[in-house]
């Protein structure tokens, strides 16, 4: 738009165009992020993947996980990654109890009642 048109209508046209173009930009970025099917795990994607596997026994593809991932309110998820084994287990008794009730062919271990925080 030329300076003559913007000068004629005043600064409100500039602000209206700014707000409109910013909204278009944000929506385009949201759609672009939704289209990504990342092959790495963060807490939210790991939680989605593990929850689906534990509930249905299926392993989701990266695209399926991306469709379930929330971009606006991602949340932390219930999976703790990169913590010492001792802080994830809590006690030897809890580990032995969970191990005895798990399928020996499973590559994961569900520990109900594990500590909620990781000591620093």
Protein backbone atom coordinates (compact mmCIF):
# COMPACT_ATOMS: atom_id res chain seq x y z
CA UNK A 1 0.00 0.00 0.00
CA UNK A 2 1.24 3.41 -0.76
CA UNK A 3 1.94 6.10 1.81
CA UNK A 4 -0.86 8.17 0.26
CA UNK A 5 -3.50 5.52 0.99
CA UNK A 6 -2.20 4.89 4.51
CA UNK A 7 -1.97 8.63 5.15
CA UNK A 8 -5.52 9.18 3.91
CA UNK A 9 -7.13 6.54 6.16
CA UNK A 10 -4.96 7.14 9.20
CA UNK A 11 -2.98 4.85 11.48
CA UNK A 12 -5.90 2.51 12.18
CA UNK A 13 -5.47 0.95 8.72
CA UNK A 14 -1.84 0.22 9.49
CA UNK A 15 -2.77 -1.42 12.79
CA UNK A 16 -5.64 -3.38 11.23
CA UNK A 17 -3.32 -4.71 8.53
CA UNK A 18 -0.69 -5.54 11.13
CA UNK A 19 -3.17 -7.51 13.26
CA UNK A 20 -4.59 -9.32 10.23
CA UNK A 21 -1.20 -10.27 8.78
CA UNK A 22 0.07 -11.35 12.22
CA UNK A 23 -2.96 -13.64 12.64
CA UNK A 24 -2.37 -15.13 9.19
CA UNK A 25 1.29 -15.68 10.13
CA UNK A 26 0.42 -17.43 13.42
CA UNK A 27 -2.15 -19.70 11.74
CA UNK A 28 0.32 -20.59 8.98
CA UNK A 29 2.98 -21.44 11.59
CA UNK A 30 0.49 -23.63 13.49
CA UNK A 31 -0.41 -25.53 10.31
CA UNK A 32 3.27 -25.90 9.47
CA UNK A 33 4.07 -27.32 12.92
CA UNK A 34 1.13 -29.73 12.69
CA UNK A 35 2.46 -31.05 9.39
CA UNK A 36 5.76 -32.10 11.01
CA UNK A 37 6.08 -35.74 12.01
CA UNK A 38 9.18 -35.64 14.20
CA UNK A 39 10.99 -38.93 14.74
CA UNK A 40 12.47 -37.92 18.09
CA UNK A 41 10.75 -38.17 21.47
CA UNK A 42 10.06 -35.49 24.00
CA UNK A 43 7.99 -36.05 27.14
CA UNK A 44 4.65 -35.42 25.47
CA UNK A 45 5.34 -37.65 22.46
CA UNK A 46 6.78 -40.40 24.70
CA UNK A 47 3.68 -40.26 26.90
CA UNK A 48 1.37 -40.48 23.87
CA UNK A 49 3.36 -43.39 22.43
CA UNK A 50 3.57 -45.36 25.70
CA UNK A 51 -0.05 -44.73 26.67
CA UNK A 52 -1.28 -45.99 23.30
CA UNK A 53 0.96 -49.05 23.48
CA UNK A 54 -0.14 -49.91 27.02
CA UNK A 55 -3.85 -49.41 26.22
CA UNK A 56 -4.08 -51.01 22.77
CA UNK A 57 -0.80 -52.86 22.23
CA UNK A 58 -0.06 -50.90 19.05
CA UNK A 59 2.94 -48.74 18.22
CA UNK A 60 1.96 -45.44 16.61
CA UNK A 61 3.82 -44.05 13.62
CA UNK A 62 5.47 -40.62 13.94
CA UNK A 63 2.59 -39.12 11.90
CA UNK A 64 -0.03 -40.65 14.22
CA UNK A 65 1.80 -39.32 17.27
CA UNK A 66 2.01 -35.87 15.64
CA UNK A 67 -1.76 -35.85 15.14
CA UNK A 68 -2.32 -36.49 18.85
CA UNK A 69 0.29 -33.99 20.02
CA UNK A 70 -0.99 -30.68 21.41
CA UNK A 71 0.89 -27.62 20.19
CA UNK A 72 -0.98 -25.01 22.20
CA UNK A 73 -1.03 -26.64 25.66
CA UNK A 74 1.59 -29.38 25.43
CA UNK A 75 1.74 -30.40 29.09
CA UNK A 76 4.57 -32.36 30.59
CA UNK A 77 3.37 -35.91 30.27
CA UNK A 78 3.81 -38.70 32.76
CA UNK A 79 7.06 -40.11 31.40
CA UNK A 80 10.33 -39.21 33.08
CA UNK A 81 13.31 -39.46 30.75
CA UNK A 82 16.99 -39.40 31.66
CA UNK A 83 16.61 -39.97 35.41
CA UNK A 84 18.72 -42.31 37.52
CA UNK A 85 17.23 -45.80 37.74
CA UNK A 86 17.19 -45.62 41.54
CA UNK A 87 15.00 -42.48 41.53
CA UNK A 88 12.56 -43.99 39.02
CA UNK A 89 12.16 -47.25 40.95
CA UNK A 90 11.92 -45.89 44.48
CA UNK A 91 12.77 -49.11 46.30
CA UNK A 92 14.02 -52.60 45.56
CA UNK A 93 10.72 -54.04 46.78
CA UNK A 94 8.71 -51.92 44.30
CA UNK A 95 11.03 -53.00 41.48
CA UNK A 96 10.79 -56.71 42.37
CA UNK A 97 6.99 -56.47 42.67
CA UNK A 98 6.63 -54.77 39.26
CA UNK A 99 9.09 -57.15 37.62
CA UNK A 100 7.31 -60.23 38.94
CA UNK A 101 3.95 -59.10 37.53
CA UNK A 102 5.32 -58.01 34.11
CA UNK A 103 5.70 -60.07 30.97
CA UNK A 104 9.39 -61.04 30.65
CA UNK A 105 9.32 -60.24 26.92
CA UNK A 106 8.26 -56.61 27.50
CA UNK A 107 10.90 -53.90 27.03
CA UNK A 108 9.28 -51.57 29.55
CA UNK A 109 8.33 -51.63 33.20
CA UNK A 110 5.30 -49.90 34.70
CA UNK A 111 5.92 -48.83 38.26
CA UNK A 112 2.78 -47.60 40.06
CA UNK A 113 3.53 -45.38 43.00
CA UNK A 114 6.99 -44.36 41.79
CA UNK A 115 8.26 -41.11 43.30
CA UNK A 116 6.85 -37.97 41.67
CA UNK A 117 9.99 -35.86 41.90
CA UNK A 118 13.60 -36.50 41.04
CA UNK A 119 16.13 -35.55 43.72
CA UNK A 120 18.79 -33.13 42.55
